[in-house]
Amino acid sequence: MPLTSSLLPHSKEVVMPYTLWFQKAGKEALNLVGGKNASLGELIRADIPVPPGFSVTTEAYQEFLIEGGIKEKIEKNPFTHGASGCGLLGRGE
């Protein structure tokens, strides 16, 4: 099921992208692609060399967790914090 949004006034539904090229990301895309990927976009804008690539959007990742049936498993795992999927093993947290 594609991600949709009703952000445009002329359309009832707009398909949201699952990916965003680094050069299209920046601080304004922080909620869409996360901090590290938004920072890569800012580096490109500052003419700092960054290898070409793309980000998977946070919404696509959340959809992956839900549709794949693993969000609940991650949330129940004592070694992860929430559904971000990032475990903090061996850090005493």
C-alpha atoms as a PDB file:
ATOM      1  CA  MET A   1       0.000   0.000   0.000  1.00  0.00           C
ATOM      2  CA  PRO A   2       1.648   3.312  -1.040  1.00  0.00           C
ATOM      3  CA  LEU A   3       1.958   6.194   1.365  1.00  0.00           C
ATOM      4  CA  THR A   4      -0.482   8.975   0.605  1.00  0.00           C
ATOM      5  CA  SER A   5      -1.032  12.534   1.694  1.00  0.00           C
ATOM      6  CA  SER A   6      -3.609  15.183   1.034  1.00  0.00           C
ATOM      7  CA  LEU A   7      -1.143  18.069   1.160  1.00  0.00           C
ATOM      8  CA  LEU A   8      -1.892  19.434  -2.292  1.00  0.00           C
ATOM      9  CA  PRO A   9      -5.141  21.405  -2.645  1.00  0.00           C
ATOM     10  CA  HIS A  10      -5.839  20.147  -6.187  1.00  0.00           C
ATOM     11  CA  SER A  11      -5.610  16.474  -5.349  1.00  0.00           C
ATOM     12  CA  LYS A  12      -7.302  14.247  -2.816  1.00  0.00           C
ATOM     13  CA  GLU A  13      -4.327  11.901  -2.553  1.00  0.00           C
ATOM     14  CA  VAL A  14      -0.656  12.272  -3.380  1.00  0.00           C
ATOM     15  CA  VAL A  15       1.684   9.308  -3.363  1.00  0.00           C
ATOM     16  CA  MET A  16       4.512  10.029  -0.942  1.00  0.00           C
ATOM     17  CA  PRO A  17       8.010   9.024  -2.032  1.00  0.00           C
ATOM     18  CA  TYR A  18       9.715   6.072  -0.397  1.00  0.00           C
ATOM     19  CA  THR A  19      13.135   7.565  -1.194  1.00  0.00           C
ATOM     20  CA  LEU A  20      14.694  11.000  -1.530  1.00  0.00           C
ATOM     21  CA  TRP A  21      18.010  11.789  -3.240  1.00  0.00           C
ATOM     22  CA  PHE A  22      20.617  13.261  -0.892  1.00  0.00           C
ATOM     23  CA  GLN A  23      20.795  16.478  -2.915  1.00  0.00           C
ATOM     24  CA  LYS A  24      17.036  16.971  -2.423  1.00  0.00           C
ATOM     25  CA  ALA A  25      17.326  16.491   1.336  1.00  0.00           C
ATOM     26  CA  GLY A  26      18.235  19.245   3.756  1.00  0.00           C
ATOM     27  CA  LYS A  27      17.188  20.659   7.091  1.00  0.00           C
ATOM     28  CA  GLU A  28      13.657  21.159   5.757  1.00  0.00           C
ATOM     29  CA  ALA A  29      13.439  17.372   5.160  1.00  0.00           C
ATOM     30  CA  LEU A  30      14.481  16.419   8.689  1.00  0.00           C
ATOM     31  CA  ASN A  31      11.159  14.748   9.563  1.00  0.00           C
ATOM     32  CA  LEU A  32      11.011  13.027   6.184  1.00  0.00           C
ATOM     33  CA  VAL A  33      14.483  11.433   6.115  1.00  0.00           C
ATOM     34  CA  GLY A  34      15.986  11.845   9.592  1.00  0.00           C
ATOM     35  CA  GLY A  35      18.923  13.868  10.817  1.00  0.00           C
ATOM     36  CA  LYS A  36      21.854  12.028   9.246  1.00  0.00           C
ATOM     37  CA  ASN A  37      20.335  12.079   5.765  1.00  0.00           C
ATOM     38  CA  ALA A  38      19.220  15.692   6.090  1.00  0.00           C
ATOM     39  CA  SER A  39      22.806  16.533   7.086  1.00  0.00           C
ATOM     40  CA  LEU A  40      24.112  14.890   3.909  1.00  0.00           C
ATOM     41  CA  GLY A  41      21.866  17.197   1.902  1.00  0.00           C
ATOM     42  CA  GLU A  42      23.220  20.197   3.799  1.00  0.00           C
ATOM     43  CA  LEU A  43      26.808  19.066   3.107  1.00  0.00           C
ATOM     44  CA  ILE A  44      26.025  18.872  -0.621  1.00  0.00           C
ATOM     45  CA  ARG A  45      24.543  22.396  -0.498  1.00  0.00           C
ATOM     46  CA  ALA A  46      27.768  23.583   1.152  1.00  0.00           C
ATOM     47  CA  ASP A  47      29.750  22.107  -1.795  1.00  0.00           C
ATOM     48  CA  ILE A  48      31.302  19.414   0.381  1.00  0.00           C
ATOM     49  CA  PRO A  49      31.794  16.187  -1.600  1.00  0.00           C
ATOM     50  CA  VAL A  50      29.270  13.486  -0.732  1.00  0.00           C
ATOM     51  CA  PRO A  51      28.972  10.236  -2.693  1.00  0.00           C
ATOM     52  CA  PRO A  52      25.730  10.049  -4.676  1.00  0.00           C
ATOM     53  CA  GLY A  53      22.908   8.259  -2.932  1.00  0.00           C
ATOM     54  CA  PHE A  54      19.423   8.382  -1.538  1.00  0.00           C
ATOM     55  CA  SER A  55      17.562   8.121   1.745  1.00  0.00           C
ATOM     56  CA  VAL A  56      14.708   5.807   2.609  1.00  0.00           C
ATOM     57  CA  THR A  57      12.000   8.000   4.113  1.00  0.00           C
ATOM     58  CA  THR A  58      10.947   7.570   7.711  1.00  0.00           C
ATOM     59  CA  GLU A  59       7.388   6.907   6.546  1.00  0.00           C
ATOM     60  CA  ALA A  60       8.565   4.127   4.233  1.00  0.00           C
ATOM     61  CA  TYR A  61      10.516   2.576   7.103  1.00  0.00           C
ATOM     62  CA  GLN A  62       7.495   2.740   9.417  1.00  0.00           C
ATOM     63  CA  GLU A  63       5.319   1.153   6.721  1.00  0.00           C
ATOM     64  CA  PHE A  64       7.936  -1.579   6.287  1.00  0.00           C
ATOM     65  CA  LEU A  65       7.840  -2.325  10.021  1.00  0.00           C
ATOM     66  CA  ILE A  66       4.039  -2.476  10.097  1.00  0.00           C
ATOM     67  CA  GLU A  67       3.455  -4.355   6.835  1.00  0.00           C
ATOM     68  CA  GLY A  68       6.271  -6.777   7.608  1.00  0.00           C
ATOM     69  CA  GLY A  69       4.714  -7.549  10.973  1.00  0.00           C
ATOM     70  CA  ILE A  70       7.904  -6.755  12.866  1.00  0.00           C
ATOM     71  CA  LYS A  71       7.060  -3.460  14.580  1.00  0.00           C
ATOM     72  CA  GLU A  72       5.427  -5.263  17.493  1.00  0.00           C
ATOM     73  CA  LYS A  73       8.378  -7.659  17.821  1.00  0.00           C
ATOM     74  CA  ILE A  74      10.832  -4.770  17.952  1.00  0.00           C
ATOM     75  CA  GLU A  75       8.752  -2.954  20.555  1.00  0.00           C
ATOM     76  CA  LYS A  76       8.668  -6.084  22.737  1.00  0.00           C
ATOM     77  CA  ASN A  77      12.425  -6.736  22.433  1.00  0.00           C
ATOM     78  CA  PRO A  78      14.179  -5.647  25.653  1.00  0.00           C
ATOM     79  CA  PHE A  79      17.304  -4.661  23.678  1.00  0.00           C
ATOM     80  CA  THR A  80      15.573  -2.013  21.533  1.00  0.00           C
ATOM     81  CA  HIS A  81      14.022   1.309  22.396  1.00  0.00           C
ATOM     82  CA  GLY A  82      10.716   1.649  20.581  1.00  0.00           C
ATOM     83  CA  ALA A  83      10.149   0.860  16.914  1.00  0.00           C
ATOM     84  CA  SER A  84      13.219   2.646  15.614  1.00  0.00           C
ATOM     85  CA  GLY A  85      14.958  -0.705  15.376  1.00  0.00           C
ATOM     86  CA  CYS A  86      18.139   0.640  16.954  1.00  0.00           C
ATOM     87  CA  GLY A  87      19.326  -1.603  19.760  1.00  0.00           C
ATOM     88  CA  LEU A  88      21.565  -0.248  22.467  1.00  0.00           C
ATOM     89  CA  LEU A  89      23.368  -3.458  23.362  1.00  0.00           C
ATOM     90  CA  GLY A  90      26.161  -3.311  25.871  1.00  0.00           C
ATOM     91  CA  ARG A  91      25.726   0.368  26.721  1.00  0.00           C
ATOM     92  CA  GLY A  92      24.074  -0.083  30.100  1.00  0.00           C
ATOM     93  CA  GLU A  93      20.937   1.724  28.947  1.00  0.00           C
END
